[in-house]
Amino acid sequence: MPQVIALLLAAGCGSRFGSDKRRATLPDGRSLLAASLANARRAFSEVHVLLRPEDDPAALGLPADCPLIRCADAELGLGHSLAAGVRALAGRRSRALAILLGDMPWVAESSLLRLAQAADAERIVFPLYRGERGHPVLFGRRYWPALLRLTGDQGARAVMLAHEEAWLGIEVDDPGVLRDVDTPADLA
C-alpha cells in the first residue's frame, strides 16, 4: 500500500494565462503539465491527473499510461474539481493524498519526498519556504470526507483552516514550492 497517492489538478481554465497554459512549452520542450507530472512521478509511485471531460491527454503531452480522472463540473471551480478527484480515489488504500497543481513543475524532488515521509492519516502536511506556506499539500485520510464536500472555487483552504491542529509545516530550501504559472511571463 502506498503511504501517499498523488492527485495532480489540471482541470482549470487558467483564464489569466490567455490560452491553455497546460500546453505551454517549457525550454526543454515539454508542456507545463507534462513537466509537472514527470516531477510528481519522481516522488510518488501513484499519480492521477484530473482533467476536464473534453481534454485530450496526448495533446496535453501526457503519456498513454497516465491514470486520468475526469471532472464533469470543473467549470464550477477548484472545489468541485478537488472533490471529484478525492471521490475517484476514495476507495484507494492510502494514508494520505498529495494535492499537486498542474502548473508547478519546479518543486524539488527532495521536497516532495520529505513531505511524503512526514504524511500520515491524521496530519495535513505542507512545505514552508522562508516561512511562507507552499504546495503541494498532503491531506491525511481523516480529512478526505471534508475534501469531498468542497464546492466553488475555494479549493481546500477551508478544510485547512478548520483543522490547524493537524498542520505540519516542513521547512524546505526550495522556492519551487511557491512558484506557479499564472501568466506567460511566469514561464521565464
N, C-alpha and C. Protein backbone atom coordinates (compact mmCIF):
# COMPACT_ATOMS: atom_id res chain seq x y z
N MET A 1 0.85 -1.19 0.00
CA MET A 1 0.00 0.00 0.00
C MET A 1 0.89 1.24 0.00
N PRO A 2 0.71 2.12 -0.98
CA PRO A 2 1.49 3.36 -0.93
C PRO A 2 1.01 4.23 0.24
N GLN A 3 1.95 4.83 0.94
CA GLN A 3 1.55 5.70 2.04
C GLN A 3 0.85 6.93 1.51
N VAL A 4 1.30 7.42 0.35
CA VAL A 4 0.75 8.64 -0.23
C VAL A 4 0.48 8.39 -1.71
N ILE A 5 -0.73 8.73 -2.14
CA ILE A 5 -1.02 8.79 -3.57
C ILE A 5 -1.14 10.26 -3.94
N ALA A 6 -0.93 10.56 -5.19
CA ALA A 6 -0.91 11.96 -5.62
C ALA A 6 -2.02 12.24 -6.61
N LEU A 7 -2.60 13.42 -6.49
CA LEU A 7 -3.61 13.93 -7.41
C LEU A 7 -3.10 15.24 -7.98
N LEU A 8 -2.87 15.24 -9.30
CA LEU A 8 -2.37 16.43 -9.98
C LEU A 8 -3.56 17.16 -10.59
N LEU A 9 -3.87 18.33 -10.06
CA LEU A 9 -5.04 19.09 -10.51
C LEU A 9 -4.72 19.85 -11.79
N ALA A 10 -5.48 19.55 -12.86
CA ALA A 10 -5.24 20.18 -14.16
C ALA A 10 -6.54 20.35 -14.93
N ALA A 11 -7.63 20.63 -14.22
CA ALA A 11 -8.93 20.79 -14.88
C ALA A 11 -9.36 22.24 -14.97
N GLY A 12 -8.53 23.16 -14.49
CA GLY A 12 -8.90 24.57 -14.52
C GLY A 12 -8.73 25.18 -15.90
N CYS A 13 -9.27 26.38 -16.04
CA CYS A 13 -9.22 27.06 -17.34
C CYS A 13 -8.00 27.97 -17.48
N GLY A 14 -7.41 28.38 -16.41
CA GLY A 14 -6.23 29.24 -16.48
C GLY A 14 -6.49 30.51 -17.27
N SER A 15 -7.59 31.18 -16.98
CA SER A 15 -8.02 32.34 -17.79
C SER A 15 -7.02 33.49 -17.78
N ARG A 16 -6.25 33.65 -16.72
CA ARG A 16 -5.28 34.75 -16.68
C ARG A 16 -4.12 34.54 -17.65
N PHE A 17 -3.89 33.30 -18.06
CA PHE A 17 -2.78 33.00 -18.95
C PHE A 17 -3.04 33.46 -20.37
N GLY A 18 -4.31 33.46 -20.79
CA GLY A 18 -4.66 33.91 -22.14
C GLY A 18 -4.85 32.77 -23.12
N SER A 19 -4.37 31.58 -22.79
CA SER A 19 -4.56 30.37 -23.59
C SER A 19 -4.43 29.19 -22.64
N ASP A 20 -4.45 27.98 -23.16
CA ASP A 20 -4.37 26.80 -22.30
C ASP A 20 -2.93 26.65 -21.79
N LYS A 21 -2.71 27.11 -20.57
CA LYS A 21 -1.34 27.09 -20.03
C LYS A 21 -0.79 25.69 -19.86
N ARG A 22 -1.65 24.70 -19.74
CA ARG A 22 -1.18 23.32 -19.58
C ARG A 22 -0.35 22.89 -20.78
N ARG A 23 -0.61 23.50 -21.94
CA ARG A 23 0.12 23.17 -23.18
C ARG A 23 1.34 24.06 -23.39
N ALA A 24 1.50 25.08 -22.58
CA ALA A 24 2.64 25.99 -22.73
C ALA A 24 3.93 25.18 -22.69
N THR A 25 4.85 25.53 -23.57
CA THR A 25 6.09 24.77 -23.70
C THR A 25 7.19 25.36 -22.83
N LEU A 26 7.84 24.50 -22.09
CA LEU A 26 8.99 24.89 -21.27
C LEU A 26 10.25 24.84 -22.15
N PRO A 27 11.35 25.43 -21.70
CA PRO A 27 12.58 25.43 -22.51
C PRO A 27 13.05 24.04 -22.94
N ASP A 28 12.73 23.00 -22.16
CA ASP A 28 13.15 21.64 -22.53
C ASP A 28 12.21 20.97 -23.53
N GLY A 29 11.18 21.69 -23.98
CA GLY A 29 10.27 21.18 -24.99
C GLY A 29 9.03 20.48 -24.45
N ARG A 30 8.99 20.22 -23.16
CA ARG A 30 7.81 19.58 -22.57
C ARG A 30 6.73 20.60 -22.30
N SER A 31 5.49 20.13 -22.27
CA SER A 31 4.39 21.00 -21.86
C SER A 31 4.49 21.22 -20.35
N LEU A 32 3.90 22.31 -19.90
CA LEU A 32 3.88 22.62 -18.47
C LEU A 32 3.27 21.47 -17.68
N LEU A 33 2.17 20.92 -18.18
CA LEU A 33 1.52 19.82 -17.47
C LEU A 33 2.37 18.55 -17.49
N ALA A 34 2.98 18.23 -18.62
CA ALA A 34 3.83 17.04 -18.70
C ALA A 34 5.01 17.16 -17.73
N ALA A 35 5.59 18.34 -17.62
CA ALA A 35 6.72 18.55 -16.70
C ALA A 35 6.26 18.41 -15.25
N SER A 36 5.07 18.92 -14.94
CA SER A 36 4.54 18.80 -13.58
C SER A 36 4.28 17.33 -13.24
N LEU A 37 3.76 16.58 -14.20
CA LEU A 37 3.51 15.15 -13.99
C LEU A 37 4.82 14.40 -13.79
N ALA A 38 5.79 14.64 -14.65
CA ALA A 38 7.08 13.94 -14.53
C ALA A 38 7.71 14.21 -13.17
N ASN A 39 7.59 15.44 -12.71
CA ASN A 39 8.14 15.80 -11.40
C ASN A 39 7.44 15.01 -10.29
N ALA A 40 6.12 14.96 -10.35
CA ALA A 40 5.35 14.23 -9.33
C ALA A 40 5.69 12.74 -9.35
N ARG A 41 5.87 12.19 -10.53
CA ARG A 41 6.16 10.76 -10.65
C ARG A 41 7.53 10.39 -10.09
N ARG A 42 8.43 11.33 -9.99
CA ARG A 42 9.73 11.03 -9.40
C ARG A 42 9.61 10.78 -7.89
N ALA A 43 8.58 11.33 -7.27
CA ALA A 43 8.45 11.21 -5.82
C ALA A 43 7.32 10.29 -5.36
N PHE A 44 6.29 10.15 -6.18
CA PHE A 44 5.12 9.36 -5.79
C PHE A 44 4.93 8.20 -6.76
N SER A 45 4.69 7.01 -6.23
CA SER A 45 4.54 5.83 -7.08
C SER A 45 3.21 5.81 -7.81
N GLU A 46 2.24 6.55 -7.32
CA GLU A 46 0.92 6.58 -7.94
C GLU A 46 0.47 8.03 -8.09
N VAL A 47 0.35 8.49 -9.33
CA VAL A 47 -0.06 9.87 -9.61
C VAL A 47 -1.23 9.83 -10.60
N HIS A 48 -2.34 10.45 -10.20
CA HIS A 48 -3.53 10.56 -11.05
C HIS A 48 -3.67 12.01 -11.48
N VAL A 49 -4.04 12.23 -12.74
CA VAL A 49 -4.20 13.59 -13.26
C VAL A 49 -5.68 13.88 -13.45
N LEU A 50 -6.14 14.98 -12.90
CA LEU A 50 -7.54 15.41 -13.00
C LEU A 50 -7.70 16.35 -14.19
N LEU A 51 -8.55 15.98 -15.14
CA LEU A 51 -8.78 16.77 -16.35
C LEU A 51 -10.26 17.04 -16.55
N ARG A 52 -10.56 17.94 -17.48
CA ARG A 52 -11.93 18.18 -17.91
C ARG A 52 -12.34 17.03 -18.86
N PRO A 53 -13.64 16.78 -19.03
CA PRO A 53 -14.08 15.68 -19.90
C PRO A 53 -13.59 15.80 -21.34
N GLU A 54 -13.50 17.00 -21.86
CA GLU A 54 -13.14 17.19 -23.27
C GLU A 54 -11.64 17.19 -23.52
N ASP A 55 -10.84 17.16 -22.49
CA ASP A 55 -9.39 17.24 -22.66
C ASP A 55 -8.81 16.02 -23.36
N ASP A 56 -7.89 16.27 -24.27
CA ASP A 56 -7.16 15.21 -24.97
C ASP A 56 -5.80 15.07 -24.27
N PRO A 57 -5.59 13.99 -23.52
CA PRO A 57 -4.34 13.84 -22.77
C PRO A 57 -3.09 13.91 -23.65
N ALA A 58 -3.15 13.32 -24.83
CA ALA A 58 -1.98 13.33 -25.72
C ALA A 58 -1.65 14.76 -26.15
N ALA A 59 -2.67 15.55 -26.43
CA ALA A 59 -2.44 16.94 -26.83
C ALA A 59 -1.84 17.76 -25.69
N LEU A 60 -2.07 17.32 -24.47
CA LEU A 60 -1.51 18.00 -23.29
C LEU A 60 -0.11 17.50 -22.97
N GLY A 61 0.37 16.53 -23.74
CA GLY A 61 1.72 16.00 -23.52
C GLY A 61 1.80 14.89 -22.50
N LEU A 62 0.64 14.31 -22.12
CA LEU A 62 0.64 13.26 -21.11
C LEU A 62 0.93 11.90 -21.74
N PRO A 63 1.67 11.06 -21.04
CA PRO A 63 1.95 9.72 -21.56
C PRO A 63 0.69 8.85 -21.53
N ALA A 64 0.66 7.85 -22.38
CA ALA A 64 -0.50 6.97 -22.51
C ALA A 64 -0.81 6.20 -21.22
N ASP A 65 0.20 5.95 -20.38
CA ASP A 65 -0.03 5.17 -19.16
C ASP A 65 -0.45 6.02 -17.96
N CYS A 66 -0.76 7.26 -18.19
CA CYS A 66 -1.12 8.18 -17.11
C CYS A 66 -2.55 7.93 -16.63
N PRO A 67 -2.76 7.59 -15.36
CA PRO A 67 -4.12 7.43 -14.85
C PRO A 67 -4.84 8.78 -14.82
N LEU A 68 -6.03 8.81 -15.40
CA LEU A 68 -6.80 10.05 -15.51
C LEU A 68 -8.07 9.98 -14.70
N ILE A 69 -8.48 11.13 -14.20
CA ILE A 69 -9.79 11.32 -13.57
C ILE A 69 -10.42 12.49 -14.31
N ARG A 70 -11.66 12.33 -14.71
CA ARG A 70 -12.37 13.40 -15.43
C ARG A 70 -13.36 14.07 -14.48
N CYS A 71 -13.38 15.39 -14.49
CA CYS A 71 -14.31 16.15 -13.65
C CYS A 71 -15.34 16.82 -14.55
N ALA A 72 -16.56 16.32 -14.51
CA ALA A 72 -17.63 16.82 -15.38
C ALA A 72 -18.01 18.26 -15.08
N ASP A 73 -17.85 18.69 -13.85
CA ASP A 73 -18.26 20.05 -13.48
C ASP A 73 -17.07 20.93 -13.10
N ALA A 74 -15.96 20.75 -13.78
CA ALA A 74 -14.75 21.52 -13.48
C ALA A 74 -14.97 23.02 -13.60
N GLU A 75 -15.86 23.43 -14.51
CA GLU A 75 -16.11 24.87 -14.71
C GLU A 75 -16.72 25.53 -13.48
N LEU A 76 -17.21 24.74 -12.52
CA LEU A 76 -17.79 25.29 -11.30
C LEU A 76 -16.74 25.68 -10.28
N GLY A 77 -15.48 25.32 -10.52
CA GLY A 77 -14.41 25.77 -9.65
C GLY A 77 -13.54 24.68 -9.08
N LEU A 78 -12.45 25.12 -8.48
CA LEU A 78 -11.44 24.23 -7.92
C LEU A 78 -12.01 23.30 -6.86
N GLY A 79 -12.92 23.80 -6.04
CA GLY A 79 -13.52 22.96 -5.01
C GLY A 79 -14.22 21.75 -5.60
N HIS A 80 -14.99 21.98 -6.67
CA HIS A 80 -15.68 20.88 -7.34
C HIS A 80 -14.66 19.88 -7.92
N SER A 81 -13.62 20.40 -8.54
CA SER A 81 -12.60 19.53 -9.13
C SER A 81 -11.91 18.69 -8.07
N LEU A 82 -11.53 19.33 -6.99
CA LEU A 82 -10.85 18.61 -5.91
C LEU A 82 -11.74 17.54 -5.32
N ALA A 83 -13.02 17.86 -5.09
CA ALA A 83 -13.96 16.87 -4.56
C ALA A 83 -14.11 15.69 -5.53
N ALA A 84 -14.17 15.97 -6.83
CA ALA A 84 -14.29 14.89 -7.82
C ALA A 84 -13.05 13.99 -7.79
N GLY A 85 -11.89 14.58 -7.66
CA GLY A 85 -10.66 13.79 -7.59
C GLY A 85 -10.61 12.92 -6.34
N VAL A 86 -10.97 13.48 -5.21
CA VAL A 86 -10.96 12.71 -3.96
C VAL A 86 -12.01 11.60 -4.04
N ARG A 87 -13.18 11.91 -4.61
CA ARG A 87 -14.23 10.89 -4.76
C ARG A 87 -13.71 9.70 -5.59
N ALA A 88 -13.02 9.99 -6.67
CA ALA A 88 -12.50 8.93 -7.54
C ALA A 88 -11.43 8.09 -6.85
N LEU A 89 -10.72 8.68 -5.89
CA LEU A 89 -9.62 7.97 -5.22
C LEU A 89 -9.98 7.44 -3.84
N ALA A 90 -11.19 7.72 -3.38
CA ALA A 90 -11.59 7.37 -2.01
C ALA A 90 -11.44 5.88 -1.72
N GLY A 91 -11.62 5.03 -2.71
CA GLY A 91 -11.51 3.60 -2.49
C GLY A 91 -10.08 3.07 -2.52
N ARG A 92 -9.13 3.92 -2.87
CA ARG A 92 -7.72 3.51 -2.92
C ARG A 92 -7.18 3.40 -1.51
N ARG A 93 -6.32 2.44 -1.31
CA ARG A 93 -5.70 2.26 0.01
C ARG A 93 -4.49 3.19 0.10
N SER A 94 -4.59 4.16 0.99
CA SER A 94 -3.51 5.11 1.19
C SER A 94 -3.77 5.86 2.49
N ARG A 95 -2.71 6.26 3.13
CA ARG A 95 -2.86 7.04 4.37
C ARG A 95 -3.06 8.52 4.10
N ALA A 96 -2.56 8.98 2.94
CA ALA A 96 -2.63 10.41 2.66
C ALA A 96 -2.72 10.64 1.15
N LEU A 97 -3.21 11.82 0.81
CA LEU A 97 -3.34 12.23 -0.58
C LEU A 97 -2.58 13.54 -0.77
N ALA A 98 -1.64 13.52 -1.70
CA ALA A 98 -0.88 14.73 -2.04
C ALA A 98 -1.64 15.46 -3.14
N ILE A 99 -1.99 16.71 -2.88
CA ILE A 99 -2.69 17.54 -3.86
C ILE A 99 -1.64 18.44 -4.52
N LEU A 100 -1.37 18.16 -5.80
CA LEU A 100 -0.38 18.93 -6.55
C LEU A 100 -1.09 19.75 -7.62
N LEU A 101 -0.49 20.85 -8.00
CA LEU A 101 -1.05 21.72 -9.03
C LEU A 101 -0.32 21.49 -10.35
N GLY A 102 -1.07 21.45 -11.42
CA GLY A 102 -0.53 21.17 -12.73
C GLY A 102 0.35 22.25 -13.32
N ASP A 103 0.45 23.38 -12.62
CA ASP A 103 1.28 24.48 -13.11
C ASP A 103 2.47 24.76 -12.19
N MET A 104 2.93 23.72 -11.50
CA MET A 104 4.06 23.88 -10.57
C MET A 104 5.12 22.79 -10.80
N PRO A 105 5.84 22.84 -11.93
CA PRO A 105 6.82 21.79 -12.21
C PRO A 105 8.17 21.98 -11.53
N TRP A 106 8.34 23.02 -10.75
CA TRP A 106 9.66 23.34 -10.20
C TRP A 106 9.85 22.91 -8.75
N VAL A 107 8.90 22.21 -8.17
CA VAL A 107 9.07 21.72 -6.80
C VAL A 107 10.16 20.64 -6.82
N ALA A 108 11.13 20.77 -5.95
CA ALA A 108 12.25 19.82 -5.93
C ALA A 108 11.79 18.43 -5.49
N GLU A 109 12.35 17.43 -6.11
CA GLU A 109 12.04 16.04 -5.74
C GLU A 109 12.31 15.82 -4.26
N SER A 110 13.40 16.38 -3.75
CA SER A 110 13.73 16.20 -2.33
C SER A 110 12.64 16.77 -1.43
N SER A 111 12.02 17.87 -1.84
CA SER A 111 10.92 18.45 -1.05
C SER A 111 9.73 17.51 -1.05
N LEU A 112 9.38 16.99 -2.23
CA LEU A 112 8.25 16.07 -2.33
C LEU A 112 8.48 14.83 -1.47
N LEU A 113 9.69 14.30 -1.50
CA LEU A 113 10.00 13.11 -0.72
C LEU A 113 9.92 13.38 0.79
N ARG A 114 10.40 14.54 1.21
CA ARG A 114 10.32 14.89 2.64
C ARG A 114 8.87 15.02 3.09
N LEU A 115 8.04 15.63 2.25
CA LEU A 115 6.62 15.78 2.59
C LEU A 115 5.95 14.41 2.68
N ALA A 116 6.24 13.54 1.72
CA ALA A 116 5.65 12.20 1.71
C ALA A 116 6.06 11.41 2.95
N GLN A 117 7.31 11.55 3.36
CA GLN A 117 7.78 10.84 4.55
C GLN A 117 7.05 11.29 5.81
N ALA A 118 6.66 12.56 5.85
CA ALA A 118 6.01 13.10 7.04
C ALA A 118 4.49 12.86 7.07
N ALA A 119 3.93 12.45 5.94
CA ALA A 119 2.48 12.30 5.83
C ALA A 119 1.98 11.11 6.64
N ASP A 120 0.80 11.29 7.22
CA ASP A 120 0.07 10.17 7.81
C ASP A 120 -1.41 10.52 7.83
N ALA A 121 -2.23 9.59 8.28
CA ALA A 121 -3.68 9.72 8.20
C ALA A 121 -4.24 10.87 9.05
N GLU A 122 -3.50 11.33 10.03
CA GLU A 122 -4.00 12.35 10.97
C GLU A 122 -3.44 13.75 10.73
N ARG A 123 -2.63 13.92 9.71
CA ARG A 123 -1.95 15.21 9.50
C ARG A 123 -2.35 15.88 8.19
N ILE A 124 -2.12 17.19 8.17
CA ILE A 124 -2.15 17.98 6.94
C ILE A 124 -0.75 18.55 6.81
N VAL A 125 -0.01 18.07 5.84
CA VAL A 125 1.41 18.40 5.70
C VAL A 125 1.61 19.32 4.50
N PHE A 126 2.47 20.31 4.68
CA PHE A 126 2.75 21.25 3.58
C PHE A 126 4.17 21.79 3.74
N PRO A 127 4.75 22.28 2.64
CA PRO A 127 6.08 22.84 2.72
C PRO A 127 6.05 24.31 3.15
N LEU A 128 7.12 24.73 3.77
CA LEU A 128 7.34 26.13 4.11
C LEU A 128 8.66 26.57 3.50
N TYR A 129 8.63 27.64 2.75
CA TYR A 129 9.86 28.21 2.22
C TYR A 129 9.99 29.61 2.79
N ARG A 130 11.03 29.80 3.63
CA ARG A 130 11.25 31.08 4.32
C ARG A 130 9.99 31.54 5.04
N GLY A 131 9.31 30.57 5.66
CA GLY A 131 8.12 30.85 6.46
C GLY A 131 6.83 30.96 5.70
N GLU A 132 6.87 30.88 4.37
CA GLU A 132 5.65 31.00 3.56
C GLU A 132 5.16 29.62 3.15
N ARG A 133 3.87 29.39 3.38
CA ARG A 133 3.28 28.09 3.05
C ARG A 133 3.18 27.92 1.55
N GLY A 134 3.57 26.73 1.08
CA GLY A 134 3.54 26.45 -0.35
C GLY A 134 2.77 25.19 -0.69
N HIS A 135 3.08 24.63 -1.85
CA HIS A 135 2.42 23.43 -2.37
C HIS A 135 3.48 22.39 -2.68
N PRO A 136 3.09 21.15 -2.65
CA PRO A 136 1.74 20.60 -2.50
C PRO A 136 1.32 20.52 -1.03
N VAL A 137 0.04 20.21 -0.84
CA VAL A 137 -0.49 19.93 0.49
C VAL A 137 -0.90 18.47 0.51
N LEU A 138 -0.51 17.78 1.59
CA LEU A 138 -0.82 16.37 1.74
C LEU A 138 -1.84 16.22 2.85
N PHE A 139 -3.00 15.68 2.49
CA PHE A 139 -4.09 15.52 3.44
C PHE A 139 -4.18 14.08 3.90
N GLY A 140 -4.10 13.90 5.23
CA GLY A 140 -4.29 12.58 5.79
C GLY A 140 -5.70 12.09 5.52
N ARG A 141 -5.87 10.81 5.51
CA ARG A 141 -7.16 10.19 5.17
C ARG A 141 -8.29 10.72 6.05
N ARG A 142 -7.99 11.10 7.26
CA ARG A 142 -9.02 11.63 8.17
C ARG A 142 -9.74 12.84 7.57
N TYR A 143 -9.09 13.59 6.68
CA TYR A 143 -9.65 14.84 6.14
C TYR A 143 -10.28 14.66 4.77
N TRP A 144 -10.23 13.45 4.22
CA TRP A 144 -10.83 13.22 2.90
C TRP A 144 -12.33 13.49 2.88
N PRO A 145 -13.10 13.10 3.93
CA PRO A 145 -14.54 13.41 3.89
C PRO A 145 -14.81 14.92 3.77
N ALA A 146 -14.01 15.73 4.42
CA ALA A 146 -14.19 17.19 4.30
C ALA A 146 -13.85 17.66 2.88
N LEU A 147 -12.84 17.06 2.27
CA LEU A 147 -12.48 17.42 0.90
C LEU A 147 -13.60 17.04 -0.07
N LEU A 148 -14.29 15.96 0.21
CA LEU A 148 -15.40 15.51 -0.64
C LEU A 148 -16.56 16.50 -0.67
N ARG A 149 -16.67 17.33 0.35
CA ARG A 149 -17.77 18.29 0.43
C ARG A 149 -17.44 19.65 -0.19
N LEU A 150 -16.25 19.81 -0.74
CA LEU A 150 -15.86 21.09 -1.31
C LEU A 150 -16.69 21.43 -2.54
N THR A 151 -16.96 22.73 -2.69
CA THR A 151 -17.65 23.25 -3.87
C THR A 151 -17.03 24.60 -4.21
N GLY A 152 -17.44 25.17 -5.32
CA GLY A 152 -16.99 26.51 -5.68
C GLY A 152 -15.52 26.56 -6.05
N ASP A 153 -14.94 27.72 -5.89
CA ASP A 153 -13.57 27.94 -6.35
C ASP A 153 -12.59 28.18 -5.21
N GLN A 154 -12.90 27.70 -4.02
CA GLN A 154 -12.03 27.98 -2.88
C GLN A 154 -10.98 26.92 -2.62
N GLY A 155 -11.05 25.79 -3.27
CA GLY A 155 -10.06 24.75 -3.02
C GLY A 155 -10.15 24.23 -1.60
N ALA A 156 -9.05 23.80 -1.05
CA ALA A 156 -9.02 23.14 0.25
C ALA A 156 -8.71 24.08 1.41
N ARG A 157 -8.67 25.36 1.14
CA ARG A 157 -8.32 26.34 2.19
C ARG A 157 -9.22 26.21 3.43
N ALA A 158 -10.53 26.06 3.22
CA ALA A 158 -11.45 25.96 4.35
C ALA A 158 -11.17 24.71 5.19
N VAL A 159 -10.83 23.61 4.54
CA VAL A 159 -10.51 22.38 5.27
C VAL A 159 -9.24 22.60 6.10
N MET A 160 -8.26 23.25 5.50
CA MET A 160 -7.03 23.52 6.24
C MET A 160 -7.30 24.40 7.46
N LEU A 161 -8.03 25.48 7.26
CA LEU A 161 -8.28 26.42 8.35
C LEU A 161 -9.10 25.79 9.48
N ALA A 162 -9.95 24.85 9.14
CA ALA A 162 -10.78 24.19 10.16
C ALA A 162 -9.99 23.17 10.98
N HIS A 163 -8.78 22.85 10.54
CA HIS A 163 -8.02 21.79 11.22
C HIS A 163 -6.56 22.20 11.45
N GLU A 164 -6.35 23.39 11.95
CA GLU A 164 -4.98 23.88 12.20
C GLU A 164 -4.20 22.99 13.15
N GLU A 165 -4.91 22.30 14.03
CA GLU A 165 -4.23 21.42 14.99
C GLU A 165 -3.51 20.27 14.30
N ALA A 166 -3.89 19.97 13.06
CA ALA A 166 -3.29 18.85 12.32
C ALA A 166 -2.14 19.30 11.43
N TRP A 167 -1.87 20.59 11.36
CA TRP A 167 -0.85 21.10 10.45
C TRP A 167 0.54 20.63 10.84
N LEU A 168 1.29 20.29 9.81
CA LEU A 168 2.71 20.02 9.98
C LEU A 168 3.43 20.70 8.82
N GLY A 169 4.04 21.83 9.11
CA GLY A 169 4.81 22.55 8.10
C GLY A 169 6.23 22.04 8.09
N ILE A 170 6.73 21.74 6.91
CA ILE A 170 8.08 21.21 6.74
C ILE A 170 8.91 22.28 6.04
N GLU A 171 9.93 22.80 6.73
CA GLU A 171 10.81 23.81 6.12
C GLU A 171 11.65 23.17 5.02
N VAL A 172 11.62 23.78 3.86
CA VAL A 172 12.42 23.30 2.73
C VAL A 172 13.18 24.48 2.13
N ASP A 173 14.33 24.20 1.59
CA ASP A 173 15.11 25.22 0.90
C ASP A 173 14.80 25.10 -0.59
N ASP A 174 13.55 25.44 -0.93
CA ASP A 174 13.04 25.17 -2.27
C ASP A 174 12.01 26.22 -2.68
N PRO A 175 12.42 27.25 -3.42
CA PRO A 175 11.45 28.26 -3.86
C PRO A 175 10.42 27.70 -4.83
N GLY A 176 10.65 26.51 -5.38
CA GLY A 176 9.69 25.88 -6.28
C GLY A 176 8.36 25.58 -5.64
N VAL A 177 8.30 25.49 -4.32
CA VAL A 177 7.04 25.21 -3.63
C VAL A 177 6.10 26.41 -3.68
N LEU A 178 6.63 27.57 -4.07
CA LEU A 178 5.82 28.79 -4.19
C LEU A 178 5.59 29.21 -5.64
N ARG A 179 6.33 28.64 -6.56
CA ARG A 179 6.34 29.12 -7.95
C ARG A 179 5.31 28.39 -8.81
N ASP A 180 4.31 29.14 -9.27
CA ASP A 180 3.33 28.59 -10.19
C ASP A 180 3.27 29.48 -11.43
N VAL A 181 2.43 29.11 -12.37
CA VAL A 181 2.32 29.85 -13.62
C VAL A 181 0.90 30.42 -13.75
N ASP A 182 0.80 31.73 -13.74
CA ASP A 182 -0.48 32.41 -13.96
C ASP A 182 -0.50 33.13 -15.29
N THR A 183 0.66 33.64 -15.72
CA THR A 183 0.78 34.38 -16.97
C THR A 183 1.98 33.85 -17.76
N PRO A 184 2.05 34.13 -19.06
CA PRO A 184 3.21 33.68 -19.85
C PRO A 184 4.54 34.17 -19.27
N ALA A 185 4.56 35.33 -18.63
CA ALA A 185 5.78 35.85 -18.05
C ALA A 185 6.32 34.95 -16.93
N ASP A 186 5.44 34.19 -16.30
CA ASP A 186 5.86 33.29 -15.21
C ASP A 186 6.70 32.13 -15.70
N LEU A 187 6.70 31.88 -17.00
CA LEU A 187 7.49 30.78 -17.58
C LEU A 187 8.96 31.16 -17.73
N ALA A 188 9.25 32.45 -17.68
CA ALA A 188 10.62 32.91 -17.90
C ALA A 188 11.49 32.58 -16.70
